[in-house]
Protein backbone atom coordinates (compact mmCIF):
# COMPACT_ATOMS: atom_id res chain seq x y z
CA UNK A 1 -17.50 3.12 30.00
CA UNK A 2 -18.77 -0.30 31.08
CA UNK A 3 -17.05 -2.07 33.95
CA UNK A 4 -16.00 -5.00 31.74
CA UNK A 5 -14.02 -2.62 29.50
CA UNK A 6 -12.24 -0.78 32.32
CA UNK A 7 -8.44 -1.22 32.27
CA UNK A 8 -6.15 -1.06 35.26
CA UNK A 9 -4.69 2.42 35.17
CA UNK A 10 -1.24 3.41 36.38
CA UNK A 11 -2.71 5.33 39.35
CA UNK A 12 -3.00 2.01 41.20
CA UNK A 13 0.78 1.77 41.45
CA UNK A 14 3.45 3.87 43.07
CA UNK A 15 6.12 5.44 40.92
CA UNK A 16 8.63 2.86 42.16
CA UNK A 17 6.31 -0.02 41.23
CA UNK A 18 5.73 1.47 37.78
CA UNK A 19 9.48 1.84 37.17
CA UNK A 20 9.98 -1.82 38.08
CA UNK A 21 7.37 -2.98 35.54
CA UNK A 22 8.32 -4.28 32.14
CA UNK A 23 7.16 -2.36 29.07
CA UNK A 24 4.77 -5.21 28.28
CA UNK A 25 3.23 -4.96 31.76
CA UNK A 26 2.70 -1.21 31.40
CA UNK A 27 1.17 -1.81 27.97
CA UNK A 28 -1.25 -4.44 29.27
CA UNK A 29 -2.51 -2.03 31.96
CA UNK A 30 -3.99 0.11 29.20
CA UNK A 31 -5.82 -2.72 27.40
CA UNK A 32 -9.39 -3.87 28.03
CA UNK A 33 -10.67 -7.10 26.51
CA UNK A 34 -14.07 -6.77 24.87
CA UNK A 35 -15.85 -10.14 25.20
CA UNK A 36 -18.44 -9.26 22.55
CA UNK A 37 -15.94 -8.76 19.71
CA UNK A 38 -12.78 -10.48 20.95
CA UNK A 39 -10.99 -7.16 20.40
CA UNK A 40 -8.49 -5.85 22.90
CA UNK A 41 -9.41 -2.18 23.15
CA UNK A 42 -6.63 0.37 23.71
CA UNK A 43 -7.66 2.62 26.62
CA UNK A 44 -4.59 4.86 26.69
CA UNK A 45 -3.66 7.90 24.64
CA UNK A 46 -5.35 8.14 21.21
CA UNK A 47 -4.10 10.16 18.26
CA UNK A 48 -5.86 10.21 14.87
CA UNK A 49 -8.11 7.23 15.68
CA UNK A 50 -5.20 4.98 16.70
CA UNK A 51 -3.80 4.21 20.13
CA UNK A 52 -0.48 5.81 21.03
CA UNK A 53 1.85 4.10 23.52
CA UNK A 54 4.88 5.77 25.08
CA UNK A 55 7.27 2.85 25.47
CA UNK A 56 10.39 4.97 25.69
CA UNK A 57 11.69 3.81 22.30
CA UNK A 58 10.41 7.01 20.66
CA UNK A 59 10.39 9.66 23.40
CA UNK A 60 7.86 12.48 23.16
CA UNK A 61 5.96 11.04 20.18
CA UNK A 62 5.38 7.45 21.21
CA UNK A 63 4.33 4.78 18.75
CA UNK A 64 1.13 3.22 17.49
CA UNK A 65 -0.24 0.86 20.12
CA UNK A 66 -1.34 -1.79 17.60
CA UNK A 67 2.13 -1.80 16.04
CA UNK A 68 3.71 -2.27 19.48
CA UNK A 69 1.29 -5.15 20.22
CA UNK A 70 2.18 -6.79 16.91
CA UNK A 71 5.91 -6.54 17.70
CA UNK A 72 5.45 -8.08 21.16
CA UNK A 73 3.65 -11.08 19.67
CA UNK A 74 5.33 -11.51 16.27
CA UNK A 75 8.63 -9.66 16.39
CA UNK A 76 9.67 -6.60 14.40
CA UNK A 77 7.49 -5.40 11.54
CA UNK A 78 9.35 -5.96 8.26
CA UNK A 79 10.61 -2.77 6.70
CA UNK A 80 8.10 -1.15 4.35
CA UNK A 81 5.08 -2.98 5.79
CA UNK A 82 2.14 -1.69 7.80
CA UNK A 83 0.36 -3.35 10.69
CA UNK A 84 -3.23 -3.86 9.51
CA UNK A 85 -6.42 -4.82 11.38
CA UNK A 86 -8.53 -7.86 10.44
CA UNK A 87 -11.30 -6.53 12.70
CA UNK A 88 -11.23 -2.98 11.23
CA UNK A 89 -11.13 -1.49 14.73
CA UNK A 90 -8.28 1.06 14.93
CA UNK A 91 -8.19 0.80 18.75
CA UNK A 92 -7.82 -2.99 18.75
CA UNK A 93 -4.42 -4.28 19.90
CA UNK A 94 -5.22 -8.01 19.89
CA UNK A 95 -2.25 -9.63 18.07
CA UNK A 96 -4.60 -12.24 16.58
CA UNK A 97 -6.43 -9.42 14.79
CA UNK A 98 -3.26 -7.83 13.37
CA UNK A 99 -1.30 -8.69 10.23
CA UNK A 100 1.64 -7.17 8.39
CA UNK A 101 0.97 -6.06 4.85
CA UNK A 102 1.79 -3.51 2.21
CA UNK A 103 -0.21 -0.35 1.67
CA UNK A 104 -1.69 -1.93 -1.47
CA UNK A 105 -2.80 -5.01 0.48
CA UNK A 106 -4.36 -2.82 3.17
CA UNK A 107 -6.22 -0.81 0.51
CA UNK A 108 -7.43 -3.99 -1.20
CA UNK A 109 -8.64 -5.33 2.17
CA UNK A 110 -10.51 -2.08 2.79
CA UNK A 111 -12.16 -2.20 -0.64
CA UNK A 112 -13.07 -5.88 -0.31
CA UNK A 113 -14.86 -5.09 2.95
CA UNK A 114 -16.80 -2.22 1.37
CA UNK A 115 -15.09 0.54 3.34
CA UNK A 116 -13.59 2.31 0.34
CA UNK A 117 -13.84 6.09 0.28
CA UNK A 118 -13.66 6.50 -3.47
CA UNK A 119 -15.72 5.69 -6.52
CA UNK A 120 -19.32 4.58 -6.22
CA UNK A 121 -18.89 3.77 -2.51
CA UNK A 122 -17.89 7.32 -1.57
CA UNK A 123 -20.52 9.15 0.49
CA UNK A 124 -20.59 11.99 -2.06
CA UNK A 125 -21.71 9.52 -4.72
CA UNK A 126 -24.29 7.91 -2.43
CA UNK A 127 -25.66 11.22 -1.09
CA UNK A 128 -25.13 13.99 -3.69
CA UNK A 129 -27.87 16.04 -2.03
CA UNK A 130 -25.60 16.53 1.00
CA UNK A 131 -22.74 18.02 -1.00
CA UNK A 132 -22.75 21.78 -0.62
CA UNK A 133 -21.97 23.22 -4.04
CA UNK A 134 -22.57 26.56 -5.66
CA UNK A 135 -24.83 28.96 -3.79
CA UNK A 136 -25.52 26.32 -1.10
CA UNK A 137 -21.87 26.39 -0.01
CA UNK A 138 -21.37 28.68 3.03
CA UNK A 139 -18.27 30.28 1.45
CA UNK A 140 -19.96 31.06 -1.89
CA UNK A 141 -19.16 34.61 -3.07
CA UNK A 142 -21.64 34.79 -5.96
CA UNK A 143 -25.36 34.34 -6.42
CA UNK A 144 -27.08 32.06 -8.90
CA UNK A 145 -28.22 35.11 -10.87
CA UNK A 146 -24.64 36.40 -11.20
CA UNK A 147 -23.35 33.04 -12.42
CA UNK A 148 -26.25 32.67 -14.87
CA UNK A 149 -25.44 36.12 -16.28
CA UNK A 150 -21.72 35.26 -16.51
CA UNK A 151 -22.50 32.04 -18.37
CA UNK A 152 -24.72 34.00 -20.79
CA UNK A 153 -21.93 36.53 -21.41
CA UNK A 154 -19.41 33.72 -22.01
CA UNK A 155 -21.84 32.02 -24.43
CA UNK A 156 -22.28 35.34 -26.26
CA UNK A 157 -18.53 35.33 -26.90
CA UNK A 158 -17.44 38.16 -24.61
CA UNK A 159 -13.81 38.10 -23.54
CA UNK A 160 -13.11 36.92 -19.98
CA UNK A 161 -11.08 40.07 -19.27
CA UNK A 162 -14.11 42.24 -20.08
CA UNK A 163 -16.47 40.07 -18.02
CA UNK A 164 -14.04 40.19 -15.08
CA UNK A 165 -13.89 44.00 -15.28
CA UNK A 166 -17.68 44.25 -15.48
CA UNK A 167 -18.61 41.72 -12.75
CA UNK A 168 -15.64 41.79 -10.36
CA UNK A 169 -15.24 38.03 -10.68
CA UNK A 170 -11.63 36.94 -11.13
CA UNK A 171 -10.40 35.76 -14.53
CA UNK A 172 -9.33 32.48 -12.92
CA UNK A 173 -12.86 31.79 -11.67
CA UNK A 174 -14.35 32.83 -15.01
CA UNK A 175 -11.99 30.49 -16.84
CA UNK A 176 -13.06 27.61 -14.57
CA UNK A 177 -16.72 28.43 -15.16
CA UNK A 178 -16.12 28.46 -18.92
CA UNK A 179 -14.30 25.10 -18.82
CA UNK A 180 -17.02 23.54 -16.65
CA UNK A 181 -14.83 23.08 -13.57
CA UNK A 182 -16.64 25.47 -11.22
CA UNK A 183 -20.29 26.37 -10.80
CA UNK A 184 -21.45 23.33 -12.76
CA UNK A 185 -24.63 23.09 -10.64
CA UNK A 186 -26.06 26.24 -12.27
């Protein structure tokens, strides 16, 4: 960690001094200002990409650090709204980079910035060669030859029950193969 992004940690204070601090003071001890991006980076506990601050309002689980920062600067978050990032940095707690919006607004913001994880922008669409399907998947139970034979038997009109008995492949899997849901790569 660079020196310019090093926060002042609680170890610098005695327990008595920490108890005398306001919640806002304790919060600011865990924030480092990044001069290159104008973000205030959360240096405390992190859970699922987002900072977690233990203010005492929600004992044991804490609360999202960016949400707490928004409330300090702008007051309570209106019911049903999220605290969203303009800078797209989940560890940023700079109130100037935060805004309250609905889930739909947050999703629209994400899509407008090209960070959508669905449709043509999804990595599976951009890199289909990386998707492990069929025999390339590490959990695959059948070989390409077995699936080719099963598809031939299905095309010949054999009943799925008979194919299942003959090959040991479940009727459910055979039905999905027949309907083009599984093993489409072969």
